[in-house]
Amino acid sequence: MTVFDALSGFFALGGPVVLVLFAMSVLTLTVTLYKIWQFSVSGVGRHRVLSDALRLWDTGEQSAALTRLGASRSYLAPLLGSAMAGSQRPGIEARLDAEAGVALASLERGFRVLDTIAQIAPLLGLFGTVIGMIDAFRSLQEAGSSVDPSLLAGGIWVALLTTAVGLAVAIPTSMVLTWLESRTARERVFADKALRTVLVPERAAQEAADPTYSARVNA
């Protein structure tokens, strides 16, 4: 028996509901692979170079910070470069926050698809089970007095097959979505901290609080 024959028999048992769930599982896999590729290309979670640049900026070494930032391939590098170049411009904070929101929104693209699949798959499986149970009891009624227990048992296990498939699709999808959302949440925290570091570096804050700070540090 070939794989195609096995899948055909499986779809024949589960009916169109299983076929739809299989299509949803393929969509989940496609979106997951795309998001892994996107996160890898964007440098999500790889902040070593950015952190080095932020430390230099925080201590007042602006030229060194810009040079170090140029070595980063993170999607946040252009945003931080703009922040460093225009850190003194009025209203720059609101604009940078908006641009950061757009950048992070691109990382969240596809999350709604995964969330929809995670919620609908179990319900779709349950719907298939209800339809299967109706069909099983209809067959039982048509059998009349010559009821064969195997007829009812066979109908029930075939009906429950769709629920199992629905859960098999929903559980991994929910886990993948949670993992992706947690990574995006960490990116949001890092981006917010990075922008605040650029706009209000530690050295500038110290000098504002103590005018003699720069002279003491350089002494």
Protein backbone atom coordinates (compact mmCIF):
# COMPACT_ATOMS: atom_id res chain seq x y z
CA MET A 1 0.00 0.00 0.00
CA THR A 2 1.41 3.38 -0.99
CA VAL A 3 1.31 6.53 1.12
CA PHE A 4 -1.24 7.97 -1.27
CA ASP A 5 -3.49 4.96 -0.78
CA ALA A 6 -3.16 5.22 3.00
CA LEU A 7 -4.06 8.91 2.95
CA SER A 8 -6.99 8.27 0.62
CA GLY A 9 -8.35 5.63 2.98
CA PHE A 10 -7.86 7.94 5.96
CA PHE A 11 -9.71 10.79 4.24
CA ALA A 12 -12.47 8.37 3.19
CA LEU A 13 -12.97 7.35 6.83
CA GLY A 14 -12.95 10.88 8.23
CA GLY A 15 -14.79 12.52 5.39
CA PRO A 16 -14.41 16.12 4.23
CA VAL A 17 -13.81 17.36 7.78
CA VAL A 18 -10.53 15.46 8.02
CA LEU A 19 -9.57 16.77 4.60
CA VAL A 20 -10.14 20.34 5.77
CA LEU A 21 -8.16 19.70 8.96
CA PHE A 22 -5.31 18.26 6.91
CA ALA A 23 -5.28 21.43 4.78
CA MET A 24 -5.18 23.50 7.98
CA SER A 25 -2.22 21.48 9.25
CA VAL A 26 -0.37 22.16 6.00
CA LEU A 27 -1.12 25.87 6.38
CA THR A 28 0.17 25.79 9.97
CA LEU A 29 3.40 24.15 8.86
CA THR A 30 3.84 26.67 6.05
CA VAL A 31 3.31 29.68 8.32
CA THR A 32 5.60 28.21 10.99
CA LEU A 33 8.45 27.64 8.55
CA TYR A 34 7.99 31.14 7.14
CA LYS A 35 8.09 32.71 10.61
CA ILE A 36 11.22 30.77 11.56
CA TRP A 37 12.89 31.98 8.37
CA GLN A 38 11.71 35.56 8.93
CA PHE A 39 12.91 35.61 12.54
CA SER A 40 16.28 34.20 11.49
CA VAL A 41 16.79 36.73 8.68
CA SER A 42 15.63 39.63 10.89
CA GLY A 43 18.01 38.69 13.68
CA VAL A 44 15.29 38.22 16.26
CA GLY A 45 16.84 37.36 19.61
CA ARG A 46 20.39 38.13 18.44
CA HIS A 47 21.18 41.39 20.22
CA ARG A 48 24.87 41.11 21.07
CA VAL A 49 26.05 43.71 18.53
CA LEU A 50 23.13 46.02 19.32
CA SER A 51 23.82 45.72 23.04
CA ASP A 52 27.48 46.62 22.46
CA ALA A 53 26.45 49.71 20.47
CA LEU A 54 23.98 50.73 23.17
CA ARG A 55 26.61 50.41 25.89
CA LEU A 56 28.97 52.64 23.92
CA TRP A 57 26.22 55.18 23.31
CA ASP A 58 25.26 55.10 26.98
CA THR A 59 28.79 56.09 28.00
CA GLY A 60 28.99 58.94 25.50
CA GLU A 61 31.08 57.20 22.83
CA GLN A 62 28.75 58.11 20.00
CA SER A 63 31.10 57.58 17.06
CA ALA A 64 32.12 54.14 18.34
CA ALA A 65 28.46 53.29 18.92
CA LEU A 66 27.52 54.16 15.34
CA THR A 67 30.45 52.14 14.01
CA ARG A 68 29.47 49.12 16.08
CA LEU A 69 25.83 49.49 15.08
CA GLY A 70 26.86 49.26 11.43
CA ALA A 71 28.01 45.68 12.02
CA SER A 72 24.52 44.56 13.06
CA ARG A 73 22.15 42.80 10.65
CA SER A 74 19.19 43.13 12.99
CA TYR A 75 15.94 44.64 11.75
CA LEU A 76 16.27 47.10 14.65
CA ALA A 77 19.62 48.47 13.47
CA PRO A 78 18.16 51.01 10.99
CA LEU A 79 15.68 52.18 13.62
CA LEU A 80 18.40 52.68 16.24
CA GLY A 81 20.57 54.39 13.64
CA SER A 82 17.78 56.89 12.99
CA ALA A 83 17.37 57.38 16.71
CA MET A 84 21.08 58.07 17.18
CA ALA A 85 21.19 60.44 14.23
CA GLY A 86 18.17 62.46 15.33
CA SER A 87 18.13 61.99 19.08
CA GLN A 88 17.89 65.76 19.66
CA ARG A 89 15.06 66.45 17.22
CA PRO A 90 11.73 67.54 18.73
CA GLY A 91 9.07 64.88 18.57
CA ILE A 92 11.52 62.15 17.56
CA GLU A 93 10.36 59.86 20.38
CA ALA A 94 6.79 59.56 19.10
CA ARG A 95 7.99 58.93 15.55
CA LEU A 96 10.44 56.24 16.65
CA ASP A 97 7.77 54.54 18.73
CA ALA A 98 5.53 54.44 15.67
CA GLU A 99 8.30 53.02 13.47
CA ALA A 100 9.13 50.42 16.11
CA GLY A 101 5.47 49.43 16.19
CA VAL A 102 5.47 48.93 12.43
CA ALA A 103 8.64 46.82 12.59
CA LEU A 104 7.24 44.63 15.35
CA ALA A 105 3.90 44.32 13.56
CA SER A 106 5.72 42.73 10.63
CA LEU A 107 7.04 40.08 13.01
CA GLU A 108 3.47 39.35 14.16
CA ARG A 109 2.18 38.85 10.64
CA GLY A 110 0.64 35.39 10.39
CA PHE A 111 -0.14 35.11 14.11
CA ARG A 112 -3.84 35.65 13.43
CA VAL A 113 -3.85 32.71 11.03
CA LEU A 114 -2.29 30.41 13.62
CA ASP A 115 -4.65 31.66 16.33
CA THR A 116 -7.66 31.03 14.10
CA ILE A 117 -6.51 27.49 13.31
CA ALA A 118 -5.83 26.74 16.99
CA GLN A 119 -9.38 27.80 17.89
CA ILE A 120 -11.29 26.37 14.95
CA ALA A 121 -9.58 22.96 14.57
CA PRO A 122 -11.07 21.41 17.77
CA LEU A 123 -14.51 22.79 16.94
CA LEU A 124 -14.28 21.46 13.41
CA GLY A 125 -13.24 18.06 14.77
CA LEU A 126 -16.19 18.08 17.15
CA PHE A 127 -18.49 19.01 14.29
CA GLY A 128 -17.23 16.00 12.34
CA THR A 129 -17.82 13.78 15.36
CA VAL A 130 -21.41 14.99 15.73
CA ILE A 131 -22.07 14.32 12.04
CA GLY A 132 -20.48 10.88 12.37
CA MET A 133 -22.55 10.01 15.44
CA ILE A 134 -25.73 11.07 13.66
CA ASP A 135 -24.82 8.79 10.77
CA ALA A 136 -23.97 5.91 13.13
CA PHE A 137 -27.29 6.12 14.97
CA ARG A 138 -29.15 6.44 11.69
CA SER A 139 -27.53 3.20 10.52
CA LEU A 140 -28.49 1.62 13.85
CA GLN A 141 -32.09 2.68 13.39
CA GLU A 142 -32.20 1.32 9.86
CA ALA A 143 -30.90 -2.04 11.11
CA GLY A 144 -34.08 -2.42 13.15
CA SER A 145 -34.23 -5.46 15.42
CA SER A 146 -31.19 -7.10 13.84
CA VAL A 147 -28.73 -4.78 15.55
CA ASP A 148 -25.06 -5.61 15.13
CA PRO A 149 -23.00 -4.07 18.01
CA SER A 150 -19.98 -3.87 15.72
CA LEU A 151 -21.95 -1.58 13.43
CA LEU A 152 -22.47 0.95 16.22
CA ALA A 153 -18.91 0.61 17.56
CA GLY A 154 -17.43 1.06 14.11
CA GLY A 155 -19.50 4.15 13.48
CA ILE A 156 -18.51 5.69 16.81
CA TRP A 157 -14.75 5.22 16.42
CA VAL A 158 -14.87 6.65 12.91
CA ALA A 159 -16.85 9.62 14.25
CA LEU A 160 -14.34 10.23 17.08
CA LEU A 161 -11.53 10.19 14.54
CA THR A 162 -12.29 13.77 13.52
CA THR A 163 -12.07 14.99 17.12
CA ALA A 164 -8.67 13.35 17.48
CA VAL A 165 -7.46 14.92 14.25
CA GLY A 166 -8.79 18.32 15.29
CA LEU A 167 -6.89 18.16 18.58
CA ALA A 168 -3.78 16.88 16.81
CA VAL A 169 -3.86 20.00 14.63
CA ALA A 170 -4.82 22.50 17.35
CA ILE A 171 -2.33 21.51 20.08
CA PRO A 172 0.91 21.94 18.06
CA THR A 173 -0.48 25.10 16.46
CA SER A 174 -1.20 26.59 19.87
CA MET A 175 2.29 25.68 21.10
CA VAL A 176 3.95 27.24 18.05
CA LEU A 177 1.87 30.40 18.42
CA THR A 178 2.77 30.72 22.11
CA TRP A 179 6.47 30.33 21.30
CA LEU A 180 6.34 32.94 18.53
CA GLU A 181 4.39 35.38 20.71
CA SER A 182 6.86 35.02 23.57
CA ARG A 183 9.78 35.81 21.25
CA THR A 184 7.96 38.83 19.86
CA ALA A 185 7.16 40.05 23.37
CA ARG A 186 10.86 39.89 24.28
CA GLU A 187 11.67 41.83 21.11
CA ARG A 188 9.16 44.51 22.08
CA VAL A 189 10.77 44.90 25.52
CA PHE A 190 14.27 45.09 24.03
CA ALA A 191 13.23 47.61 21.35
CA ASP A 192 11.59 49.86 23.94
CA LYS A 193 14.65 49.75 26.21
CA ALA A 194 17.01 50.35 23.28
CA LEU A 195 15.12 53.44 22.12
CA ARG A 196 14.98 54.86 25.62
CA THR A 197 18.72 54.25 26.00
CA VAL A 198 19.46 56.14 22.79
CA LEU A 199 17.12 59.02 23.56
CA VAL A 200 18.14 59.36 27.21
CA PRO A 201 21.65 57.92 27.62
CA GLU A 202 23.04 57.44 31.11
CA ARG A 203 25.80 60.00 30.61
CA ALA A 204 23.36 62.69 29.51
CA ALA A 205 21.08 61.92 32.42
CA GLN A 206 23.96 62.17 34.87
CA GLU A 207 25.13 65.45 33.38
CA ALA A 208 21.64 66.88 33.61
CA ALA A 209 21.43 65.91 37.27
CA ASP A 210 25.00 66.96 38.11
CA PRO A 211 26.70 69.59 35.91
CA THR A 212 30.10 68.59 37.31
CA TYR A 213 29.65 64.93 36.30
CA SER A 214 31.49 65.22 32.96
CA ALA A 215 34.43 67.04 34.51
CA ARG A 216 34.74 64.44 37.27
CA VAL A 217 34.55 61.51 34.86
CA ASN A 218 37.17 62.98 32.53
CA ALA A 219 39.47 64.05 35.36
